[in-house]
PDB file of N, CA and C in Angstrom:
ATOM      1  N   MET A   1       4.514 -80.029 -50.148  1.00  0.00           N
ATOM      2  CA  MET A   1       4.697 -81.219 -50.967  1.00  0.00           C
ATOM      3  C   MET A   1       3.550 -82.198 -50.707  1.00  0.00           C
ATOM      4  N   ALA A   2       2.886 -82.560 -51.758  1.00  0.00           N
ATOM      5  CA  ALA A   2       1.742 -83.457 -51.629  1.00  0.00           C
ATOM      6  C   ALA A   2       2.192 -84.909 -51.507  1.00  0.00           C
ATOM      7  N   GLY A   3       1.338 -85.723 -50.908  1.00  0.00           N
ATOM      8  CA  GLY A   3       1.614 -87.145 -50.768  1.00  0.00           C
ATOM      9  C   GLY A   3       1.539 -87.864 -52.105  1.00  0.00           C
ATOM     10  N   LYS A   4       1.878 -89.147 -52.092  1.00  0.00           N
ATOM     11  CA  LYS A   4       1.955 -89.917 -53.337  1.00  0.00           C
ATOM     12  C   LYS A   4       0.610 -90.089 -54.027  1.00  0.00           C
ATOM     13  N   ASN A   5      -0.489 -89.978 -53.291  1.00  0.00           N
ATOM     14  CA  ASN A   5      -1.817 -90.129 -53.873  1.00  0.00           C
ATOM     15  C   ASN A   5      -2.546 -88.796 -54.041  1.00  0.00           C
ATOM     16  N   VAL A   6      -1.782 -87.701 -53.981  1.00  0.00           N
ATOM     17  CA  VAL A   6      -2.353 -86.365 -54.146  1.00  0.00           C
ATOM     18  C   VAL A   6      -1.645 -85.696 -55.321  1.00  0.00           C
ATOM     19  N   SER A   7      -2.419 -85.195 -56.266  1.00  0.00           N
ATOM     20  CA  SER A   7      -1.821 -84.487 -57.392  1.00  0.00           C
ATOM     21  C   SER A   7      -2.234 -83.021 -57.348  1.00  0.00           C
ATOM     22  N   SER A   8      -1.622 -82.231 -58.199  1.00  0.00           N
ATOM     23  CA  SER A   8      -1.924 -80.802 -58.261  1.00  0.00           C
ATOM     24  C   SER A   8      -2.711 -80.498 -59.525  1.00  0.00           C
ATOM     25  N   VAL A   9      -3.631 -79.542 -59.399  1.00  0.00           N
ATOM     26  CA  VAL A   9      -4.382 -79.071 -60.561  1.00  0.00           C
ATOM     27  C   VAL A   9      -4.286 -77.560 -60.624  1.00  0.00           C
ATOM     28  N   ASN A  10      -4.652 -77.007 -61.793  1.00  0.00           N
ATOM     29  CA  ASN A  10      -4.615 -75.559 -61.981  1.00  0.00           C
ATOM     30  C   ASN A  10      -5.772 -75.152 -62.899  1.00  0.00           C
ATOM     31  N   ASP A  11      -5.795 -73.881 -63.264  1.00  0.00           N
ATOM     32  CA  ASP A  11      -6.880 -73.384 -64.116  1.00  0.00           C
ATOM     33  C   ASP A  11      -6.950 -74.139 -65.447  1.00  0.00           C
ATOM     34  N   LEU A  12      -5.802 -74.559 -65.962  1.00  0.00           N
ATOM     35  CA  LEU A  12      -5.763 -75.185 -67.281  1.00  0.00           C
ATOM     36  C   LEU A  12      -6.284 -76.623 -67.291  1.00  0.00           C
ATOM     37  N   ASN A  13      -6.036 -77.377 -66.216  1.00  0.00           N
ATOM     38  CA  ASN A  13      -6.432 -78.788 -66.243  1.00  0.00           C
ATOM     39  C   ASN A  13      -7.565 -79.126 -65.267  1.00  0.00           C
ATOM     40  N   PHE A  14      -8.143 -78.127 -64.599  1.00  0.00           N
ATOM     41  CA  PHE A  14      -9.181 -78.385 -63.607  1.00  0.00           C
ATOM     42  C   PHE A  14     -10.389 -79.093 -64.218  1.00  0.00           C
ATOM     43  N   GLU A  15     -10.835 -78.625 -65.351  1.00  0.00           N
ATOM     44  CA  GLU A  15     -12.014 -79.236 -65.971  1.00  0.00           C
ATOM     45  C   GLU A  15     -11.761 -80.708 -66.298  1.00  0.00           C
ATOM     46  N   ALA A  16     -10.616 -80.999 -66.919  1.00  0.00           N
ATOM     47  CA  ALA A  16     -10.307 -82.381 -67.303  1.00  0.00           C
ATOM     48  C   ALA A  16     -10.075 -83.274 -66.092  1.00  0.00           C
ATOM     49  N   GLU A  17      -9.357 -82.775 -65.095  1.00  0.00           N
ATOM     50  CA  GLU A  17      -8.970 -83.604 -63.948  1.00  0.00           C
ATOM     51  C   GLU A  17     -10.064 -83.727 -62.891  1.00  0.00           C
ATOM     52  N   VAL A  18     -10.899 -82.700 -62.762  1.00  0.00           N
ATOM     53  CA  VAL A  18     -11.899 -82.689 -61.687  1.00  0.00           C
ATOM     54  C   VAL A  18     -13.318 -82.806 -62.231  1.00  0.00           C
ATOM     55  N   LEU A  19     -13.722 -81.861 -63.041  1.00  0.00           N
ATOM     56  CA  LEU A  19     -15.116 -81.815 -63.487  1.00  0.00           C
ATOM     57  C   LEU A  19     -15.486 -82.987 -64.388  1.00  0.00           C
ATOM     58  N   LYS A  20     -14.537 -83.478 -65.178  1.00  0.00           N
ATOM     59  CA  LYS A  20     -14.828 -84.590 -66.084  1.00  0.00           C
ATOM     60  C   LYS A  20     -14.376 -85.935 -65.526  1.00  0.00           C
ATOM     61  N   SER A  21     -13.932 -85.954 -64.287  1.00  0.00           N
ATOM     62  CA  SER A  21     -13.486 -87.200 -63.666  1.00  0.00           C
ATOM     63  C   SER A  21     -14.665 -88.129 -63.419  1.00  0.00           C
ATOM     64  N   GLU A  22     -14.481 -89.404 -63.735  1.00  0.00           N
ATOM     65  CA  GLU A  22     -15.522 -90.394 -63.463  1.00  0.00           C
ATOM     66  C   GLU A  22     -15.513 -90.787 -61.990  1.00  0.00           C
ATOM     67  N   THR A  23     -14.419 -90.489 -61.311  1.00  0.00           N
ATOM     68  CA  THR A  23     -14.267 -90.768 -59.885  1.00  0.00           C
ATOM     69  C   THR A  23     -14.562 -89.489 -59.108  1.00  0.00           C
ATOM     70  N   PRO A  24     -15.219 -89.556 -57.952  1.00  0.00           N
ATOM     71  CA  PRO A  24     -15.371 -88.349 -57.122  1.00  0.00           C
ATOM     72  C   PRO A  24     -14.001 -87.747 -56.803  1.00  0.00           C
ATOM     73  N   VAL A  25     -13.958 -86.429 -56.684  1.00  0.00           N
ATOM     74  CA  VAL A  25     -12.691 -85.729 -56.463  1.00  0.00           C
ATOM     75  C   VAL A  25     -12.801 -84.813 -55.248  1.00  0.00           C
ATOM     76  N   LEU A  26     -11.853 -84.951 -54.323  1.00  0.00           N
ATOM     77  CA  LEU A  26     -11.721 -84.022 -53.208  1.00  0.00           C
ATOM     78  C   LEU A  26     -10.677 -82.999 -53.621  1.00  0.00           C
ATOM     79  N   VAL A  27     -11.075 -81.727 -53.660  1.00  0.00           N
ATOM     80  CA  VAL A  27     -10.149 -80.657 -54.024  1.00  0.00           C
ATOM     81  C   VAL A  27      -9.813 -79.852 -52.779  1.00  0.00           C
ATOM     82  N   ASP A  28      -8.535 -79.770 -52.481  1.00  0.00           N
ATOM     83  CA  ASP A  28      -8.024 -78.966 -51.375  1.00  0.00           C
ATOM     84  C   ASP A  28      -7.549 -77.646 -51.960  1.00  0.00           C
ATOM     85  N   PHE A  29      -8.367 -76.595 -51.786  1.00  0.00           N
ATOM     86  CA  PHE A  29      -7.975 -75.258 -52.223  1.00  0.00           C
ATOM     87  C   PHE A  29      -7.031 -74.717 -51.156  1.00  0.00           C
ATOM     88  N   THR A  30      -5.809 -74.385 -51.541  1.00  0.00           N
ATOM     89  CA  THR A  30      -4.756 -74.079 -50.594  1.00  0.00           C
ATOM     90  C   THR A  30      -3.901 -72.917 -51.101  1.00  0.00           C
ATOM     91  N   ALA A  31      -2.917 -72.517 -50.310  1.00  0.00           N
ATOM     92  CA  ALA A  31      -1.938 -71.505 -50.710  1.00  0.00           C
ATOM     93  C   ALA A  31      -0.646 -71.759 -49.937  1.00  0.00           C
ATOM     94  N   THR A  32       0.475 -71.451 -50.553  1.00  0.00           N
ATOM     95  CA  THR A  32       1.771 -71.729 -49.925  1.00  0.00           C
ATOM     96  C   THR A  32       1.966 -70.920 -48.647  1.00  0.00           C
ATOM     97  N   TRP A  33       1.343 -69.748 -48.565  1.00  0.00           N
ATOM     98  CA  TRP A  33       1.520 -68.863 -47.403  1.00  0.00           C
ATOM     99  C   TRP A  33       0.538 -69.154 -46.272  1.00  0.00           C
ATOM    100  N   CYS A  34      -0.329 -70.137 -46.456  1.00  0.00           N
ATOM    101  CA  CYS A  34      -1.426 -70.401 -45.517  1.00  0.00           C
ATOM    102  C   CYS A  34      -1.018 -71.403 -44.440  1.00  0.00           C
ATOM    103  N   GLY A  35      -0.920 -70.938 -43.198  1.00  0.00           N
ATOM    104  CA  GLY A  35      -0.565 -71.798 -42.071  1.00  0.00           C
ATOM    105  C   GLY A  35      -1.548 -72.937 -41.840  1.00  0.00           C
ATOM    106  N   PRO A  36      -2.863 -72.636 -41.738  1.00  0.00           N
ATOM    107  CA  PRO A  36      -3.840 -73.707 -41.551  1.00  0.00           C
ATOM    108  C   PRO A  36      -3.818 -74.746 -42.685  1.00  0.00           C
ATOM    109  N   CYS A  37      -3.487 -74.301 -43.898  1.00  0.00           N
ATOM    110  CA  CYS A  37      -3.387 -75.239 -45.028  1.00  0.00           C
ATOM    111  C   CYS A  37      -2.276 -76.250 -44.767  1.00  0.00           C
ATOM    112  N   LYS A  38      -1.161 -75.749 -44.227  1.00  0.00           N
ATOM    113  CA  LYS A  38      -0.032 -76.635 -43.912  1.00  0.00           C
ATOM    114  C   LYS A  38      -0.404 -77.594 -42.790  1.00  0.00           C
ATOM    115  N   GLN A  39      -1.255 -77.136 -41.850  1.00  0.00           N
ATOM    116  CA  GLN A  39      -1.694 -77.997 -40.749  1.00  0.00           C
ATOM    117  C   GLN A  39      -2.516 -79.182 -41.242  1.00  0.00           C
ATOM    118  N   ILE A  40      -3.397 -78.945 -42.208  1.00  0.00           N
ATOM    119  CA  ILE A  40      -4.274 -80.033 -42.655  1.00  0.00           C
ATOM    120  C   ILE A  40      -3.660 -80.860 -43.788  1.00  0.00           C
ATOM    121  N   ALA A  41      -2.557 -80.411 -44.373  1.00  0.00           N
ATOM    122  CA  ALA A  41      -1.950 -81.142 -45.494  1.00  0.00           C
ATOM    123  C   ALA A  41      -1.694 -82.615 -45.180  1.00  0.00           C
ATOM    124  N   PRO A  42      -1.133 -82.951 -43.989  1.00  0.00           N
ATOM    125  CA  PRO A  42      -0.926 -84.377 -43.693  1.00  0.00           C
ATOM    126  C   PRO A  42      -2.246 -85.151 -43.584  1.00  0.00           C
ATOM    127  N   LEU A  43      -3.311 -84.481 -43.143  1.00  0.00           N
ATOM    128  CA  LEU A  43      -4.622 -85.133 -43.039  1.00  0.00           C
ATOM    129  C   LEU A  43      -5.175 -85.442 -44.426  1.00  0.00           C
ATOM    130  N   ILE A  44      -4.990 -84.513 -45.342  1.00  0.00           N
ATOM    131  CA  ILE A  44      -5.429 -84.708 -46.730  1.00  0.00           C
ATOM    132  C   ILE A  44      -4.663 -85.883 -47.339  1.00  0.00           C
ATOM    133  N   ASP A  45      -3.350 -85.928 -47.082  1.00  0.00           N
ATOM    134  CA  ASP A  45      -2.532 -87.040 -47.587  1.00  0.00           C
ATOM    135  C   ASP A  45      -3.016 -88.373 -47.031  1.00  0.00           C
ATOM    136  N   GLN A  46      -3.348 -88.405 -45.736  1.00  0.00           N
ATOM    137  CA  GLN A  46      -3.834 -89.644 -45.113  1.00  0.00           C
ATOM    138  C   GLN A  46      -5.146 -90.100 -45.742  1.00  0.00           C
ATOM    139  N   LEU A  47      -6.064 -89.156 -45.948  1.00  0.00           N
ATOM    140  CA  LEU A  47      -7.345 -89.504 -46.564  1.00  0.00           C
ATOM    141  C   LEU A  47      -7.145 -89.983 -48.005  1.00  0.00           C
ATOM    142  N   ALA A  48      -6.210 -89.364 -48.718  1.00  0.00           N
ATOM    143  CA  ALA A  48      -5.916 -89.797 -50.089  1.00  0.00           C
ATOM    144  C   ALA A  48      -5.439 -91.246 -50.089  1.00  0.00           C
ATOM    145  N   ASP A  49      -4.612 -91.595 -49.100  1.00  0.00           N
ATOM    146  CA  ASP A  49      -4.119 -92.972 -48.993  1.00  0.00           C
ATOM    147  C   ASP A  49      -5.251 -93.931 -48.622  1.00  0.00           C
ATOM    148  N   GLU A  50      -6.114 -93.510 -47.705  1.00  0.00           N
ATOM    149  CA  GLU A  50      -7.199 -94.362 -47.224  1.00  0.00           C
ATOM    150  C   GLU A  50      -8.285 -94.592 -48.284  1.00  0.00           C
ATOM    151  N   TYR A  51      -8.491 -93.609 -49.154  1.00  0.00           N
ATOM    152  CA  TYR A  51      -9.558 -93.700 -50.146  1.00  0.00           C
ATOM    153  C   TYR A  51      -9.023 -93.951 -51.557  1.00  0.00           C
ATOM    154  N   VAL A  52      -7.784 -94.420 -51.658  1.00  0.00           N
ATOM    155  CA  VAL A  52      -7.198 -94.660 -52.977  1.00  0.00           C
ATOM    156  C   VAL A  52      -8.096 -95.621 -53.762  1.00  0.00           C
ATOM    157  N   GLY A  53      -8.349 -95.277 -55.019  1.00  0.00           N
ATOM    158  CA  GLY A  53      -9.236 -96.086 -55.849  1.00  0.00           C
ATOM    159  C   GLY A  53     -10.695 -95.678 -55.760  1.00  0.00           C
ATOM    160  N   GLN A  54     -11.074 -94.988 -54.687  1.00  0.00           N
ATOM    161  CA  GLN A  54     -12.460 -94.545 -54.515  1.00  0.00           C
ATOM    162  C   GLN A  54     -12.633 -93.066 -54.804  1.00  0.00           C
ATOM    163  N   VAL A  55     -11.598 -92.298 -54.472  1.00  0.00           N
ATOM    164  CA  VAL A  55     -11.640 -90.840 -54.592  1.00  0.00           C
ATOM    165  C   VAL A  55     -10.304 -90.351 -55.127  1.00  0.00           C
ATOM    166  N   LYS A  56     -10.371 -89.398 -56.037  1.00  0.00           N
ATOM    167  CA  LYS A  56      -9.158 -88.722 -56.490  1.00  0.00           C
ATOM    168  C   LYS A  56      -8.978 -87.509 -55.570  1.00  0.00           C
ATOM    169  N   VAL A  57      -7.763 -87.281 -55.096  1.00  0.00           N
ATOM    170  CA  VAL A  57      -7.489 -86.138 -54.218  1.00  0.00           C
ATOM    171  C   VAL A  57      -6.490 -85.225 -54.918  1.00  0.00           C
ATOM    172  N   VAL A  58      -6.854 -83.941 -55.018  1.00  0.00           N
ATOM    173  CA  VAL A  58      -5.989 -82.965 -55.676  1.00  0.00           C
ATOM    174  C   VAL A  58      -5.891 -81.697 -54.837  1.00  0.00           C
ATOM    175  N   LYS A  59      -4.805 -80.977 -55.047  1.00  0.00           N
ATOM    176  CA  LYS A  59      -4.601 -79.676 -54.418  1.00  0.00           C
ATOM    177  C   LYS A  59      -4.611 -78.614 -55.508  1.00  0.00           C
ATOM    178  N   LEU A  60      -5.202 -77.473 -55.175  1.00  0.00           N
ATOM    179  CA  LEU A  60      -5.214 -76.348 -56.096  1.00  0.00           C
ATOM    180  C   LEU A  60      -4.733 -75.126 -55.336  1.00  0.00           C
ATOM    181  N   ASP A  61      -3.614 -74.555 -55.778  1.00  0.00           N
ATOM    182  CA  ASP A  61      -3.074 -73.342 -55.159  1.00  0.00           C
ATOM    183  C   ASP A  61      -3.836 -72.149 -55.726  1.00  0.00           C
ATOM    184  N   ILE A  62      -4.543 -71.430 -54.861  1.00  0.00           N
ATOM    185  CA  ILE A  62      -5.403 -70.341 -55.333  1.00  0.00           C
ATOM    186  C   ILE A  62      -4.610 -69.199 -55.961  1.00  0.00           C
ATOM    187  N   ASP A  63      -3.329 -69.074 -55.609  1.00  0.00           N
ATOM    188  CA  ASP A  63      -2.512 -68.030 -56.220  1.00  0.00           C
ATOM    189  C   ASP A  63      -2.090 -68.410 -57.636  1.00  0.00           C
ATOM    190  N   GLU A  64      -1.990 -69.713 -57.887  1.00  0.00           N
ATOM    191  CA  GLU A  64      -1.604 -70.196 -59.215  1.00  0.00           C
ATOM    192  C   GLU A  64      -2.828 -70.455 -60.096  1.00  0.00           C
ATOM    193  N   ALA A  65      -4.001 -70.571 -59.485  1.00  0.00           N
ATOM    194  CA  ALA A  65      -5.229 -70.860 -60.232  1.00  0.00           C
ATOM    195  C   ALA A  65      -6.377 -69.991 -59.718  1.00  0.00           C
ATOM    196  N   PRO A  66      -6.228 -68.673 -59.830  1.00  0.00           N
ATOM    197  CA  PRO A  66      -7.246 -67.785 -59.263  1.00  0.00           C
ATOM    198  C   PRO A  66      -8.614 -67.893 -59.941  1.00  0.00           C
ATOM    199  N   ASN A  67      -8.645 -68.193 -61.221  1.00  0.00           N
ATOM    200  CA  ASN A  67      -9.933 -68.248 -61.926  1.00  0.00           C
ATOM    201  C   ASN A  67     -10.816 -69.365 -61.391  1.00  0.00           C
ATOM    202  N   THR A  68     -10.227 -70.510 -61.130  1.00  0.00           N
ATOM    203  CA  THR A  68     -11.000 -71.642 -60.610  1.00  0.00           C
ATOM    204  C   THR A  68     -11.486 -71.345 -59.201  1.00  0.00           C
ATOM    205  N   ALA A  69     -10.624 -70.750 -58.379  1.00  0.00           N
ATOM    206  CA  ALA A  69     -11.018 -70.406 -57.008  1.00  0.00           C
ATOM    207  C   ALA A  69     -12.217 -69.455 -57.020  1.00  0.00           C
ATOM    208  N   VAL A  70     -12.186 -68.447 -57.878  1.00  0.00           N
ATOM    209  CA  VAL A  70     -13.289 -67.490 -57.977  1.00  0.00           C
ATOM    210  C   VAL A  70     -14.546 -68.179 -58.496  1.00  0.00           C
ATOM    211  N   LYS A  71     -14.398 -69.020 -59.500  1.00  0.00           N
ATOM    212  CA  LYS A  71     -15.543 -69.701 -60.104  1.00  0.00           C
ATOM    213  C   LYS A  71     -16.336 -70.510 -59.070  1.00  0.00           C
ATOM    214  N   PHE A  72     -15.624 -71.092 -58.101  1.00  0.00           N
ATOM    215  CA  PHE A  72     -16.295 -71.926 -57.106  1.00  0.00           C
ATOM    216  C   PHE A  72     -16.471 -71.227 -55.760  1.00  0.00           C
ATOM    217  N   GLY A  73     -16.331 -69.910 -55.754  1.00  0.00           N
ATOM    218  CA  GLY A  73     -16.640 -69.122 -54.574  1.00  0.00           C
ATOM    219  C   GLY A  73     -15.715 -69.346 -53.387  1.00  0.00           C
ATOM    220  N   VAL A  74     -14.470 -69.676 -53.662  1.00  0.00           N
ATOM    221  CA  VAL A  74     -13.515 -69.884 -52.585  1.00  0.00           C
ATOM    222  C   VAL A  74     -13.017 -68.515 -52.130  1.00  0.00           C
ATOM    223  N   ARG A  75     -13.389 -68.154 -50.896  1.00  0.00           N
ATOM    224  CA  ARG A  75     -13.034 -66.828 -50.371  1.00  0.00           C
ATOM    225  C   ARG A  75     -11.952 -66.905 -49.308  1.00  0.00           C
ATOM    226  N   GLY A  76     -11.627 -68.099 -48.876  1.00  0.00           N
ATOM    227  CA  GLY A  76     -10.588 -68.288 -47.877  1.00  0.00           C
ATOM    228  C   GLY A  76     -10.023 -69.687 -47.987  1.00  0.00           C
ATOM    229  N   VAL A  77      -8.815 -69.843 -47.505  1.00  0.00           N
ATOM    230  CA  VAL A  77      -8.191 -71.164 -47.528  1.00  0.00           C
ATOM    231  C   VAL A  77      -7.797 -71.560 -46.113  1.00  0.00           C
ATOM    232  N   PRO A  78      -7.796 -72.833 -45.813  1.00  0.00           N
ATOM    233  CA  PRO A  78      -8.146 -73.909 -46.731  1.00  0.00           C
ATOM    234  C   PRO A  78      -9.662 -74.044 -46.922  1.00  0.00           C
ATOM    235  N   THR A  79     -10.030 -74.432 -48.125  1.00  0.00           N
ATOM    236  CA  THR A  79     -11.402 -74.819 -48.430  1.00  0.00           C
ATOM    237  C   THR A  79     -11.332 -76.162 -49.138  1.00  0.00           C
ATOM    238  N   ILE A  80     -12.161 -77.074 -48.710  1.00  0.00           N
ATOM    239  CA  ILE A  80     -12.216 -78.394 -49.325  1.00  0.00           C
ATOM    240  C   ILE A  80     -13.580 -78.526 -49.991  1.00  0.00           C
ATOM    241  N   ILE A  81     -13.561 -78.921 -51.257  1.00  0.00           N
ATOM    242  CA  ILE A  81     -14.810 -79.156 -51.984  1.00  0.00           C
ATOM    243  C   ILE A  81     -14.735 -80.548 -52.603  1.00  0.00           C
ATOM    244  N   VAL A  82     -15.800 -81.313 -52.425  1.00  0.00           N
ATOM    245  CA  VAL A  82     -15.897 -82.619 -53.062  1.00  0.00           C
ATOM    246  C   VAL A  82     -16.757 -82.461 -54.316  1.00  0.00           C
ATOM    247  N   PHE A  83     -16.216 -82.925 -55.437  1.00  0.00           N
ATOM    248  CA  PHE A  83     -16.919 -82.879 -56.716  1.00  0.00           C
ATOM    249  C   PHE A  83     -17.302 -84.290 -57.121  1.00  0.00           C
ATOM    250  N   LYS A  84     -18.519 -84.416 -57.612  1.00  0.00           N
ATOM    251  CA  LYS A  84     -19.007 -85.708 -58.085  1.00  0.00           C
ATOM    252  C   LYS A  84     -19.834 -85.438 -59.330  1.00  0.00           C
ATOM    253  N   GLY A  85     -19.493 -86.099 -60.423  1.00  0.00           N
ATOM    254  CA  GLY A  85     -20.225 -85.877 -61.674  1.00  0.00           C
ATOM    255  C   GLY A  85     -20.133 -84.447 -62.157  1.00  0.00           C
ATOM    256  N   GLY A  86     -19.014 -83.793 -61.877  1.00  0.00           N
ATOM    257  CA  GLY A  86     -18.812 -82.423 -62.328  1.00  0.00           C
ATOM    258  C   GLY A  86     -19.457 -81.357 -61.463  1.00  0.00           C
ATOM    259  N   GLU A  87     -20.114 -81.773 -60.372  1.00  0.00           N
ATOM    260  CA  GLU A  87     -20.799 -80.830 -59.489  1.00  0.00           C
ATOM    261  C   GLU A  87     -20.141 -80.793 -58.116  1.00  0.00           C
ATOM    262  N   ALA A  88     -20.112 -79.594 -57.514  1.00  0.00           N
ATOM    263  CA  ALA A  88     -19.636 -79.455 -56.137  1.00  0.00           C
ATOM    264  C   ALA A  88     -20.752 -79.963 -55.228  1.00  0.00           C
ATOM    265  N   VAL A  89     -20.490 -81.039 -54.461  1.00  0.00           N
ATOM    266  CA  VAL A  89     -21.541 -81.667 -53.666  1.00  0.00           C
ATOM    267  C   VAL A  89     -21.324 -81.548 -52.157  1.00  0.00           C
ATOM    268  N   ALA A  90     -20.128 -81.173 -51.723  1.00  0.00           N
ATOM    269  CA  ALA A  90     -19.863 -80.998 -50.289  1.00  0.00           C
ATOM    270  C   ALA A  90     -18.706 -80.021 -50.141  1.00  0.00           C
ATOM    271  N   ARG A  91     -18.729 -79.261 -49.027  1.00  0.00           N
ATOM    272  CA  ARG A  91     -17.735 -78.208 -48.839  1.00  0.00           C
ATOM    273  C   ARG A  91     -17.415 -78.034 -47.362  1.00  0.00           C
ATOM    274  N   GLN A  92     -16.155 -77.733 -47.090  1.00  0.00           N
ATOM    275  CA  GLN A  92     -15.690 -77.406 -45.739  1.00  0.00           C
ATOM    276  C   GLN A  92     -14.728 -76.231 -45.856  1.00  0.00           C
ATOM    277  N   MET A  93     -15.028 -75.169 -45.139  1.00  0.00           N
ATOM    278  CA  MET A  93     -14.129 -74.006 -45.133  1.00  0.00           C
ATOM    279  C   MET A  93     -13.370 -73.982 -43.820  1.00  0.00           C
ATOM    280  N   GLY A  94     -12.095 -73.656 -43.907  1.00  0.00           N
ATOM    281  CA  GLY A  94     -11.269 -73.554 -42.717  1.00  0.00           C
ATOM    282  C   GLY A  94     -10.643 -74.887 -42.347  1.00  0.00           C
ATOM    283  N   ALA A  95      -9.629 -74.814 -41.490  1.00  0.00           N
ATOM    284  CA  ALA A  95      -8.957 -76.018 -41.017  1.00  0.00           C
ATOM    285  C   ALA A  95      -9.918 -76.813 -40.139  1.00  0.00           C
ATOM    286  N   ALA A  96      -9.829 -78.121 -40.240  1.00  0.00           N
ATOM    287  CA  ALA A  96     -10.710 -78.987 -39.462  1.00  0.00           C
ATOM    288  C   ALA A  96      -9.967 -80.278 -39.148  1.00  0.00           C
ATOM    289  N   PRO A  97     -10.401 -80.980 -38.097  1.00  0.00           N
ATOM    290  CA  PRO A  97      -9.790 -82.276 -37.798  1.00  0.00           C
ATOM    291  C   PRO A  97     -10.084 -83.281 -38.913  1.00  0.00           C
ATOM    292  N   LYS A  98      -9.293 -84.321 -38.954  1.00  0.00           N
ATOM    293  CA  LYS A  98      -9.446 -85.351 -39.984  1.00  0.00           C
ATOM    294  C   LYS A  98     -10.856 -85.937 -39.985  1.00  0.00           C
ATOM    295  N   THR A  99     -11.444 -86.114 -38.807  1.00  0.00           N
ATOM    296  CA  THR A  99     -12.788 -86.696 -38.739  1.00  0.00           C
ATOM    297  C   THR A  99     -13.814 -85.833 -39.474  1.00  0.00           C
ATOM    298  N   VAL A 100     -13.677 -84.522 -39.355  1.00  0.00           N
ATOM    299  CA  VAL A 100     -14.603 -83.604 -40.023  1.00  0.00           C
ATOM    300  C   VAL A 100     -14.385 -83.644 -41.532  1.00  0.00           C
ATOM    301  N   ILE A 101     -13.124 -83.645 -41.951  1.00  0.00           N
ATOM    302  CA  ILE A 101     -12.824 -83.715 -43.384  1.00  0.00           C
ATOM    303  C   ILE A 101     -13.348 -85.030 -43.960  1.00  0.00           C
ATOM    304  N   ALA A 102     -13.196 -86.120 -43.207  1.00  0.00           N
ATOM    305  CA  ALA A 102     -13.707 -87.425 -43.650  1.00  0.00           C
ATOM    306  C   ALA A 102     -15.231 -87.397 -43.774  1.00  0.00           C
ATOM    307  N   GLN A 103     -15.912 -86.705 -42.857  1.00  0.00           N
ATOM    308  CA  GLN A 103     -17.372 -86.590 -42.924  1.00  0.00           C
ATOM    309  C   GLN A 103     -17.796 -85.817 -44.173  1.00  0.00           C
ATOM    310  N   VAL A 104     -17.060 -84.760 -44.510  1.00  0.00           N
ATOM    311  CA  VAL A 104     -17.346 -83.986 -45.723  1.00  0.00           C
ATOM    312  C   VAL A 104     -17.179 -84.880 -46.945  1.00  0.00           C
ATOM    313  N   LEU A 105     -16.113 -85.663 -46.936  1.00  0.00           N
ATOM    314  CA  LEU A 105     -15.861 -86.584 -48.042  1.00  0.00           C
ATOM    315  C   LEU A 105     -16.983 -87.613 -48.149  1.00  0.00           C
ATOM    316  N   GLN A 106     -17.404 -88.176 -47.040  1.00  0.00           N
ATOM    317  CA  GLN A 106     -18.502 -89.156 -47.046  1.00  0.00           C
ATOM    318  C   GLN A 106     -19.807 -88.530 -47.547  1.00  0.00           C
ATOM    319  N   ARG A 107     -20.061 -87.282 -47.111  1.00  0.00           N
ATOM    320  CA  ARG A 107     -21.252 -86.568 -47.604  1.00  0.00           C
ATOM    321  C   ARG A 107     -21.208 -86.434 -49.108  1.00  0.00           C
ATOM    322  N   GLY A 108     -20.024 -86.102 -49.622  1.00  0.00           N
ATOM    323  CA  GLY A 108     -19.863 -85.958 -51.057  1.00  0.00           C
ATOM    324  C   GLY A 108     -20.054 -87.273 -51.792  1.00  0.00           C
ATOM    325  N   LEU A 109     -19.552 -88.356 -51.221  1.00  0.00           N
ATOM    326  CA  LEU A 109     -19.672 -89.657 -51.865  1.00  0.00           C
ATOM    327  C   LEU A 109     -21.109 -90.147 -51.904  1.00  0.00           C
ATOM    328  N   SER A 110     -21.881 -89.789 -50.880  1.00  0.00           N
ATOM    329  CA  SER A 110     -23.267 -90.262 -50.822  1.00  0.00           C
ATOM    330  C   SER A 110     -24.237 -89.320 -51.524  1.00  0.00           C
ATOM    331  N   ALA A 111     -23.734 -88.197 -52.005  1.00  0.00           N
ATOM    332  CA  ALA A 111     -24.604 -87.214 -52.695  1.00  0.00           C
ATOM    333  C   ALA A 111     -25.087 -87.749 -54.034  1.00  0.00           C
TER     334      ALA A 111
END
């Protein structure tokens, strides 16, 4: 279950919600069966709360949206990609502490 500032996207709305967003977007590529994904979920929620208004935060379940995962080369979950202006500008594969995820987000914002 995502936090109040985290929404879900899929193959059908990814372009509209992420690629065409005027706000930078942090996408958490995840899966319901993924243990590490569940570990970082609260961290993603915290960052969504901390960056509200600056960054849109969304989750994409790779089992429900396989085409998007393949399109962006997601080979394992969790993978976090920051999109800005429709382009993937920063990426983190695997579970990481909040500080590392925040650094990826900052890299994406300054790209």
